[in-house]
Amino acid sequence: MRRLLGVAVVMAGMALAFWLVLGPSSDWEGAARFVHFALLLSCFLVIGGGVRLVFPEKSEDEAAETAG
């Protein structure tokens, strides 16, 4: 279940990033350009978080062995 959530988060982050990069840039003027850049950087963080959900650092088997 966690892996499906991770895939959904990655896809949503990629969709938002593609829209920000390929969308109409003429609307982002002045201070809105900084907001645009911050949104784009946050997309990379969201994608990275989704990848961590898909591929956790410890497998579930290793976590069960260390716990018990």
N, C-alpha and C. Protein backbone atom coordinates (compact mmCIF):
# COMPACT_ATOMS: atom_id res chain seq x y z
N MET A 1 0.83 -1.20 0.00
CA MET A 1 0.00 0.00 0.00
C MET A 1 0.88 1.26 0.00
N ARG A 2 1.98 1.20 0.77
CA ARG A 2 2.86 2.37 0.86
C ARG A 2 3.52 2.63 -0.48
N ARG A 3 3.81 1.58 -1.23
CA ARG A 3 4.45 1.76 -2.53
C ARG A 3 3.51 2.42 -3.53
N LEU A 4 2.22 2.06 -3.47
CA LEU A 4 1.26 2.71 -4.36
C LEU A 4 1.10 4.18 -4.03
N LEU A 5 1.12 4.49 -2.75
CA LEU A 5 1.07 5.89 -2.34
C LEU A 5 2.30 6.63 -2.84
N GLY A 6 3.47 6.00 -2.76
CA GLY A 6 4.69 6.61 -3.25
C GLY A 6 4.63 6.87 -4.75
N VAL A 7 4.10 5.92 -5.50
CA VAL A 7 3.96 6.11 -6.96
C VAL A 7 3.01 7.26 -7.25
N ALA A 8 1.92 7.35 -6.50
CA ALA A 8 0.96 8.44 -6.71
C ALA A 8 1.59 9.79 -6.39
N VAL A 9 2.39 9.85 -5.32
CA VAL A 9 3.06 11.10 -4.94
C VAL A 9 4.07 11.51 -6.01
N VAL A 10 4.83 10.53 -6.52
CA VAL A 10 5.81 10.84 -7.57
C VAL A 10 5.12 11.35 -8.82
N MET A 11 4.04 10.70 -9.21
CA MET A 11 3.32 11.12 -10.41
C MET A 11 2.72 12.52 -10.24
N ALA A 12 2.17 12.81 -9.06
CA ALA A 12 1.61 14.14 -8.82
C ALA A 12 2.70 15.20 -8.84
N GLY A 13 3.84 14.90 -8.24
CA GLY A 13 4.96 15.85 -8.24
C GLY A 13 5.48 16.09 -9.64
N MET A 14 5.58 15.02 -10.43
CA MET A 14 6.04 15.18 -11.81
C MET A 14 5.04 15.97 -12.64
N ALA A 15 3.76 15.72 -12.44
CA ALA A 15 2.74 16.45 -13.20
C ALA A 15 2.81 17.94 -12.88
N LEU A 16 2.94 18.28 -11.61
CA LEU A 16 3.04 19.69 -11.24
C LEU A 16 4.32 20.32 -11.78
N ALA A 17 5.42 19.59 -11.73
CA ALA A 17 6.68 20.12 -12.25
C ALA A 17 6.60 20.34 -13.76
N PHE A 18 6.02 19.38 -14.49
CA PHE A 18 5.87 19.55 -15.93
C PHE A 18 4.98 20.74 -16.25
N TRP A 19 3.91 20.92 -15.47
CA TRP A 19 3.03 22.06 -15.72
C TRP A 19 3.75 23.38 -15.44
N LEU A 20 4.56 23.41 -14.38
CA LEU A 20 5.28 24.63 -14.05
C LEU A 20 6.34 24.96 -15.11
N VAL A 21 6.99 23.92 -15.64
CA VAL A 21 8.05 24.16 -16.61
C VAL A 21 7.49 24.45 -18.00
N LEU A 22 6.50 23.68 -18.42
CA LEU A 22 6.00 23.80 -19.78
C LEU A 22 4.78 24.69 -19.91
N GLY A 23 4.23 25.13 -18.79
CA GLY A 23 3.03 25.97 -18.81
C GLY A 23 3.35 27.39 -19.26
N PRO A 24 2.34 28.23 -19.30
CA PRO A 24 2.55 29.62 -19.72
C PRO A 24 3.39 30.39 -18.70
N SER A 25 4.58 30.79 -19.10
CA SER A 25 5.48 31.49 -18.18
C SER A 25 5.27 33.00 -18.20
N SER A 26 4.49 33.51 -19.12
CA SER A 26 4.29 34.96 -19.20
C SER A 26 3.46 35.48 -18.02
N ASP A 27 2.73 34.61 -17.34
CA ASP A 27 1.92 35.03 -16.21
C ASP A 27 2.74 35.22 -14.94
N TRP A 28 3.95 34.67 -14.90
CA TRP A 28 4.78 34.74 -13.71
C TRP A 28 5.72 35.95 -13.85
N GLU A 29 5.30 37.09 -13.33
CA GLU A 29 6.07 38.33 -13.42
C GLU A 29 6.42 38.82 -12.02
N GLY A 30 7.56 39.47 -11.89
CA GLY A 30 7.95 40.09 -10.63
C GLY A 30 8.18 39.09 -9.52
N ALA A 31 7.53 39.33 -8.38
CA ALA A 31 7.70 38.46 -7.20
C ALA A 31 7.13 37.07 -7.43
N ALA A 32 6.20 36.96 -8.35
CA ALA A 32 5.61 35.64 -8.65
C ALA A 32 6.65 34.69 -9.24
N ARG A 33 7.70 35.23 -9.85
CA ARG A 33 8.76 34.37 -10.39
C ARG A 33 9.45 33.59 -9.27
N PHE A 34 9.63 34.24 -8.11
CA PHE A 34 10.25 33.55 -6.98
C PHE A 34 9.32 32.47 -6.43
N VAL A 35 8.04 32.74 -6.43
CA VAL A 35 7.06 31.73 -6.01
C VAL A 35 7.09 30.56 -6.99
N HIS A 36 7.17 30.87 -8.27
CA HIS A 36 7.25 29.83 -9.30
C HIS A 36 8.48 28.96 -9.08
N PHE A 37 9.62 29.57 -8.82
CA PHE A 37 10.85 28.83 -8.59
C PHE A 37 10.77 27.99 -7.32
N ALA A 38 10.18 28.55 -6.26
CA ALA A 38 10.02 27.80 -5.01
C ALA A 38 9.09 26.60 -5.20
N LEU A 39 8.03 26.77 -5.96
CA LEU A 39 7.13 25.65 -6.25
C LEU A 39 7.85 24.56 -7.03
N LEU A 40 8.67 24.97 -7.98
CA LEU A 40 9.40 23.99 -8.77
C LEU A 40 10.40 23.22 -7.91
N LEU A 41 11.09 23.90 -7.02
CA LEU A 41 12.02 23.21 -6.12
C LEU A 41 11.28 22.29 -5.16
N SER A 42 10.11 22.70 -4.71
CA SER A 42 9.34 21.84 -3.80
C SER A 42 8.85 20.59 -4.52
N CYS A 43 8.65 20.68 -5.84
CA CYS A 43 8.27 19.49 -6.60
C CYS A 43 9.36 18.43 -6.53
N PHE A 44 10.60 18.86 -6.58
CA PHE A 44 11.70 17.91 -6.47
C PHE A 44 11.72 17.24 -5.10
N LEU A 45 11.40 18.00 -4.05
CA LEU A 45 11.33 17.41 -2.72
C LEU A 45 10.19 16.41 -2.61
N VAL A 46 9.05 16.73 -3.23
CA VAL A 46 7.91 15.82 -3.21
C VAL A 46 8.24 14.54 -3.97
N ILE A 47 8.90 14.67 -5.11
CA ILE A 47 9.29 13.49 -5.88
C ILE A 47 10.28 12.65 -5.08
N GLY A 48 11.23 13.28 -4.42
CA GLY A 48 12.18 12.54 -3.59
C GLY A 48 11.51 11.83 -2.43
N GLY A 49 10.52 12.47 -1.83
CA GLY A 49 9.77 11.82 -0.75
C GLY A 49 8.97 10.63 -1.24
N GLY A 50 8.40 10.75 -2.44
CA GLY A 50 7.67 9.63 -3.02
C GLY A 50 8.57 8.46 -3.33
N VAL A 51 9.77 8.76 -3.80
CA VAL A 51 10.73 7.69 -4.08
C VAL A 51 11.13 6.97 -2.79
N ARG A 52 11.24 7.72 -1.69
CA ARG A 52 11.56 7.09 -0.41
C ARG A 52 10.42 6.17 0.05
N LEU A 53 9.17 6.50 -0.31
CA LEU A 53 8.06 5.61 0.02
C LEU A 53 8.11 4.34 -0.81
N VAL A 54 8.51 4.46 -2.07
CA VAL A 54 8.57 3.29 -2.95
C VAL A 54 9.75 2.41 -2.57
N PHE A 55 10.91 3.01 -2.33
CA PHE A 55 12.13 2.27 -2.01
C PHE A 55 12.63 2.70 -0.64
N PRO A 56 12.11 2.11 0.44
CA PRO A 56 12.58 2.50 1.78
C PRO A 56 14.02 2.05 1.98
N GLU A 57 14.70 2.71 2.91
CA GLU A 57 16.10 2.39 3.17
C GLU A 57 16.26 0.99 3.76
N LYS A 58 15.38 0.62 4.66
CA LYS A 58 15.40 -0.73 5.22
C LYS A 58 14.21 -1.50 4.67
N SER A 59 14.45 -2.74 4.34
CA SER A 59 13.33 -3.55 3.88
C SER A 59 12.48 -3.94 5.08
N GLU A 60 11.27 -4.38 4.84
CA GLU A 60 10.37 -4.75 5.92
C GLU A 60 10.86 -5.99 6.64
N ASP A 61 11.58 -6.89 5.95
CA ASP A 61 12.13 -8.08 6.58
C ASP A 61 13.22 -7.72 7.56
N GLU A 62 14.10 -6.78 7.18
CA GLU A 62 15.18 -6.35 8.07
C GLU A 62 14.62 -5.66 9.31
N ALA A 63 13.57 -4.89 9.15
CA ALA A 63 12.98 -4.19 10.29
C ALA A 63 12.35 -5.20 11.25
N ALA A 64 11.75 -6.28 10.74
CA ALA A 64 11.16 -7.30 11.59
C ALA A 64 12.26 -8.08 12.34
N GLU A 65 13.39 -8.32 11.70
CA GLU A 65 14.47 -9.04 12.36
C GLU A 65 15.10 -8.24 13.47
N THR A 66 15.26 -6.94 13.28
CA THR A 66 15.87 -6.12 14.32
C THR A 66 14.91 -5.87 15.48
N ALA A 67 13.60 -5.87 15.20
CA ALA A 67 12.63 -5.62 16.25
C ALA A 67 12.43 -6.85 17.14
N GLY A 68 12.60 -8.03 16.60
CA GLY A 68 12.28 -9.20 17.42
C GLY A 68 13.26 -10.24 17.29
